[in-house]
Amino acid sequence: MRPIAAVVREIVDESEIALSALSDGVLNLSAYAKKIRPEVARRAKKEVSVGTIVVALCRYEIDAKKRARLFPKVKIESISTRSALVELAFTKSAATRGRLRTLHENENLADADLLTVTSGIREISLILPSTLKGEVLKVFKGEKPILVQEDLASLSIRFPASYLLTPNTIFALIRPFALSRINIVEVVSTYTELTVVVAEKDLQAAFGVMSKTASV
């Protein structure tokens, strides 16, 4: 058997809506307690009353209000967009890793206004202007791409360096896209910049969403 308070906190923490409402002091504790009662009993492996759950929620509400905001308000310094992008992905191998060494020696690629290179565990992914696709394929000559994704666009969001240690900063910036049902193809981040890659057809909607976020 597990402590009721611990189980209640666990269940609340699994729900973004419930945790946000509890932190803001607008959660109907009695109604929510009735809703989660069966799950609390299942996890605690014992019967539990609604009143006991309400007490646990009241105590957690006090703690939740003291914690950092689940969605911090991030000051956005600038938003820049780029269209006509392409993503190329290759299987990571000794050969493709070797090609990366010469990638930035190519003057055309070195001068690109956007060139991201992500070396994962099994794959290498590049995002760049479509006009430079041929240059990359030359560098990786003999290596067949496992992905060629055309008609992409990006939004690059700059924010102050002070957010580096603020929990959920990236989550807060990406969340509006999810709420607006805008598919994110890739996410690339640096010290003070987050670049979100979307389909070119979604660029206008994505920019609108982020502009509203910046003005909040």
Protein backbone atom coordinates (compact mmCIF):
# COMPACT_ATOMS: atom_id res chain seq x y z
CA MET A 1 0.00 0.00 0.00
CA ARG A 2 1.15 3.53 -0.80
CA PRO A 3 0.44 6.83 1.00
CA ILE A 4 -2.64 8.55 -0.38
CA ALA A 5 -0.93 11.95 -0.52
CA ALA A 6 1.89 10.57 -2.67
CA VAL A 7 -0.55 8.88 -5.06
CA VAL A 8 -2.66 12.04 -5.40
CA ARG A 9 0.41 14.15 -6.21
CA GLU A 10 1.52 11.59 -8.75
CA ILE A 11 -1.82 11.67 -10.54
CA VAL A 12 -2.00 15.47 -10.55
CA ASP A 13 1.54 15.74 -11.92
CA GLU A 14 0.56 13.51 -14.85
CA SER A 15 -2.07 16.02 -15.99
CA GLU A 16 -0.94 19.38 -17.35
CA ILE A 17 -4.47 20.77 -17.03
CA ALA A 18 -4.97 19.62 -13.45
CA LEU A 19 -1.55 20.82 -12.29
CA SER A 20 -1.99 24.22 -13.92
CA ALA A 21 -5.46 24.64 -12.42
CA LEU A 22 -4.25 23.56 -8.99
CA SER A 23 -1.29 25.97 -9.13
CA ASP A 24 -3.62 28.82 -10.14
CA GLY A 25 -6.11 27.95 -7.40
CA VAL A 26 -9.00 27.32 -9.80
CA LEU A 27 -9.28 23.53 -9.60
CA ASN A 28 -12.60 22.26 -8.21
CA LEU A 29 -11.07 20.00 -5.56
CA SER A 30 -14.24 18.10 -4.68
CA ALA A 31 -15.18 17.33 -8.28
CA TYR A 32 -11.63 16.37 -9.18
CA ALA A 33 -11.34 14.15 -6.10
CA LYS A 34 -14.46 12.25 -7.18
CA LYS A 35 -13.03 11.86 -10.67
CA ILE A 36 -9.68 10.41 -9.61
CA ARG A 37 -10.93 8.38 -6.65
CA PRO A 38 -10.98 5.02 -8.54
CA GLU A 39 -7.43 5.56 -9.80
CA VAL A 40 -6.19 6.62 -6.35
CA ALA A 41 -7.67 3.47 -4.84
CA ARG A 42 -6.12 1.31 -7.55
CA ARG A 43 -2.64 2.74 -7.12
CA ALA A 44 -2.79 2.90 -3.34
CA LYS A 45 -4.28 -0.62 -3.26
CA LYS A 46 -6.86 0.34 -0.66
CA GLU A 47 -10.21 2.08 -0.40
CA VAL A 48 -10.10 5.86 -0.02
CA SER A 49 -12.75 8.48 0.64
CA VAL A 50 -13.32 11.62 -1.40
CA GLY A 51 -12.67 13.69 1.71
CA THR A 52 -9.22 12.17 2.17
CA ILE A 53 -8.33 12.99 -1.44
CA VAL A 54 -9.58 16.57 -1.03
CA VAL A 55 -7.32 17.02 2.00
CA ALA A 56 -4.36 15.73 -0.02
CA LEU A 57 -5.23 18.11 -2.84
CA CYS A 58 -5.47 21.06 -0.45
CA ARG A 59 -2.00 20.36 0.90
CA TYR A 60 -0.56 19.92 -2.57
CA GLU A 61 -2.21 23.16 -3.72
CA ILE A 62 -0.21 25.08 -1.11
CA ASP A 63 3.04 23.54 -2.34
CA ALA A 64 2.13 23.93 -6.02
CA LYS A 65 1.59 27.68 -5.64
CA LYS A 66 5.11 28.03 -4.26
CA ARG A 67 6.75 26.17 -7.13
CA ALA A 68 8.06 27.76 -10.33
CA ARG A 69 5.43 28.33 -13.02
CA LEU A 70 4.75 25.29 -15.17
CA PHE A 71 4.85 27.55 -18.24
CA PRO A 72 7.29 30.41 -17.65
CA LYS A 73 6.64 33.64 -19.52
CA VAL A 74 9.61 33.79 -21.85
CA LYS A 75 10.69 37.18 -23.15
CA ILE A 76 11.17 36.79 -26.90
CA GLU A 77 13.75 39.20 -28.30
CA SER A 78 13.19 38.44 -31.97
CA ILE A 79 11.55 36.04 -34.41
CA SER A 80 13.01 35.43 -37.85
CA THR A 81 11.68 33.17 -40.58
CA ARG A 82 13.22 31.34 -43.51
CA SER A 83 11.46 29.46 -46.29
CA ALA A 84 12.49 27.14 -49.11
CA LEU A 85 14.41 24.78 -46.82
CA VAL A 86 15.18 21.09 -47.18
CA GLU A 87 16.11 18.40 -44.68
CA LEU A 88 18.56 15.66 -45.65
CA ALA A 89 19.26 12.69 -43.40
CA PHE A 90 21.91 9.99 -43.72
CA THR A 91 22.63 6.82 -41.80
CA LYS A 92 25.45 7.50 -39.36
CA SER A 93 28.58 5.55 -40.27
CA ALA A 94 32.33 5.98 -40.41
CA ALA A 95 31.95 7.20 -43.99
CA THR A 96 29.26 9.81 -43.28
CA ARG A 97 31.05 11.01 -40.16
CA GLY A 98 34.10 11.58 -42.35
CA ARG A 99 32.03 13.67 -44.77
CA LEU A 100 31.06 16.00 -41.92
CA ARG A 101 34.69 17.04 -41.60
CA THR A 102 34.63 18.54 -45.07
CA LEU A 103 31.13 19.96 -44.89
CA HIS A 104 32.09 23.35 -43.48
CA GLU A 105 35.05 23.62 -45.84
CA ASN A 106 32.57 24.18 -48.66
CA GLU A 107 32.37 27.98 -49.09
CA ASN A 108 28.77 27.96 -50.32
CA LEU A 109 27.62 25.97 -47.30
CA ALA A 110 29.74 27.99 -44.88
CA ASP A 111 28.02 31.20 -46.06
CA ALA A 112 24.48 29.78 -45.79
CA ASP A 113 22.18 31.85 -43.57
CA LEU A 114 20.88 28.62 -42.06
CA LEU A 115 22.72 25.32 -41.83
CA THR A 116 22.02 22.93 -38.98
CA VAL A 117 23.82 19.64 -38.54
CA THR A 118 22.59 17.14 -35.97
CA SER A 119 24.62 14.00 -35.36
CA GLY A 120 22.43 11.53 -33.51
CA ILE A 121 23.10 7.97 -32.39
CA ARG A 122 22.10 6.40 -35.72
CA GLU A 123 21.45 9.28 -38.08
CA ILE A 124 22.92 12.55 -39.30
CA SER A 125 20.41 15.25 -40.19
CA LEU A 126 21.00 18.52 -42.06
CA ILE A 127 18.62 21.44 -42.62
CA LEU A 128 19.60 24.04 -45.21
CA PRO A 129 18.31 26.17 -48.10
CA SER A 130 16.95 24.07 -50.96
CA THR A 131 19.32 25.84 -53.35
CA LEU A 132 22.26 24.21 -51.56
CA LYS A 133 20.91 20.66 -51.61
CA GLY A 134 23.16 19.79 -54.51
CA GLU A 135 26.23 21.00 -52.62
CA VAL A 136 25.47 18.67 -49.70
CA LEU A 137 24.81 15.73 -51.99
CA LYS A 138 28.22 16.36 -53.55
CA VAL A 139 29.86 16.25 -50.12
CA PHE A 140 28.01 13.01 -49.35
CA LYS A 141 28.58 11.57 -52.81
CA GLY A 142 28.06 7.81 -52.78
CA GLU A 143 25.89 7.95 -49.66
CA LYS A 144 22.15 7.58 -50.29
CA PRO A 145 19.99 9.88 -48.12
CA ILE A 146 17.43 8.07 -45.97
CA LEU A 147 15.31 11.24 -46.02
CA VAL A 148 14.88 14.15 -48.41
CA GLN A 149 12.18 16.45 -47.06
CA GLU A 150 11.42 19.45 -49.27
CA ASP A 151 9.18 22.51 -48.84
CA LEU A 152 10.17 23.31 -45.28
CA ALA A 153 10.42 26.61 -43.40
CA SER A 154 11.79 27.71 -40.06
CA LEU A 155 11.14 30.15 -37.24
CA SER A 156 14.17 31.13 -35.18
CA ILE A 157 13.26 32.50 -31.76
CA ARG A 158 15.84 34.43 -29.72
CA PHE A 159 15.50 34.82 -25.97
CA PRO A 160 17.74 36.15 -23.16
CA ALA A 161 20.54 33.94 -21.81
CA SER A 162 19.00 34.26 -18.34
CA TYR A 163 16.46 31.55 -19.29
CA LEU A 164 19.16 28.89 -19.55
CA LEU A 165 18.41 27.59 -16.05
CA THR A 166 14.66 28.27 -16.10
CA PRO A 167 12.69 24.99 -16.12
CA ASN A 168 10.32 24.40 -19.06
CA THR A 169 11.54 27.32 -21.19
CA ILE A 170 11.67 25.22 -24.37
CA PHE A 171 8.37 23.54 -23.42
CA ALA A 172 6.70 26.94 -23.03
CA LEU A 173 7.88 28.02 -26.49
CA ILE A 174 6.81 24.81 -28.24
CA ARG A 175 3.48 24.35 -26.44
CA PRO A 176 1.56 26.96 -28.53
CA PHE A 177 2.32 24.98 -31.69
CA ALA A 178 0.82 21.85 -30.16
CA LEU A 179 -2.30 23.72 -29.01
CA SER A 180 -2.75 25.07 -32.56
CA ARG A 181 -2.21 21.60 -34.07
CA ILE A 182 0.82 22.78 -36.08
CA ASN A 183 3.14 19.89 -36.83
CA ILE A 184 6.79 20.44 -35.92
CA VAL A 185 9.17 18.65 -38.27
CA GLU A 186 12.38 19.39 -36.36
CA VAL A 187 13.60 21.42 -33.40
CA VAL A 188 17.15 22.77 -33.20
CA SER A 189 18.42 24.83 -30.28
CA THR A 190 21.50 26.81 -29.36
CA TYR A 191 22.40 28.85 -26.28
CA THR A 192 19.82 31.62 -26.77
CA GLU A 193 17.99 30.49 -29.88
CA LEU A 194 15.31 27.93 -30.71
CA THR A 195 14.67 27.07 -34.34
CA VAL A 196 11.41 25.30 -35.13
CA VAL A 197 11.12 23.69 -38.56
CA VAL A 198 7.64 23.27 -40.05
CA ALA A 199 6.12 22.57 -43.44
CA GLU A 200 6.24 25.69 -45.60
CA LYS A 201 2.44 25.69 -45.85
CA ASP A 202 2.27 26.07 -42.05
CA LEU A 203 4.73 28.98 -41.80
CA GLN A 204 2.17 31.77 -41.73
CA ALA A 205 0.11 30.07 -39.03
CA ALA A 206 3.22 29.24 -37.03
CA PHE A 207 4.44 32.83 -37.19
CA GLY A 208 1.04 34.06 -36.06
CA VAL A 209 1.03 31.73 -33.09
CA MET A 210 4.52 32.73 -32.00
CA SER A 211 3.80 36.45 -32.50
CA LYS A 212 0.86 36.17 -30.10
CA THR A 213 3.09 34.35 -27.60
CA ALA A 214 5.70 37.10 -27.86
CA SER A 215 3.13 39.80 -27.12
CA VAL A 216 1.63 38.10 -24.06
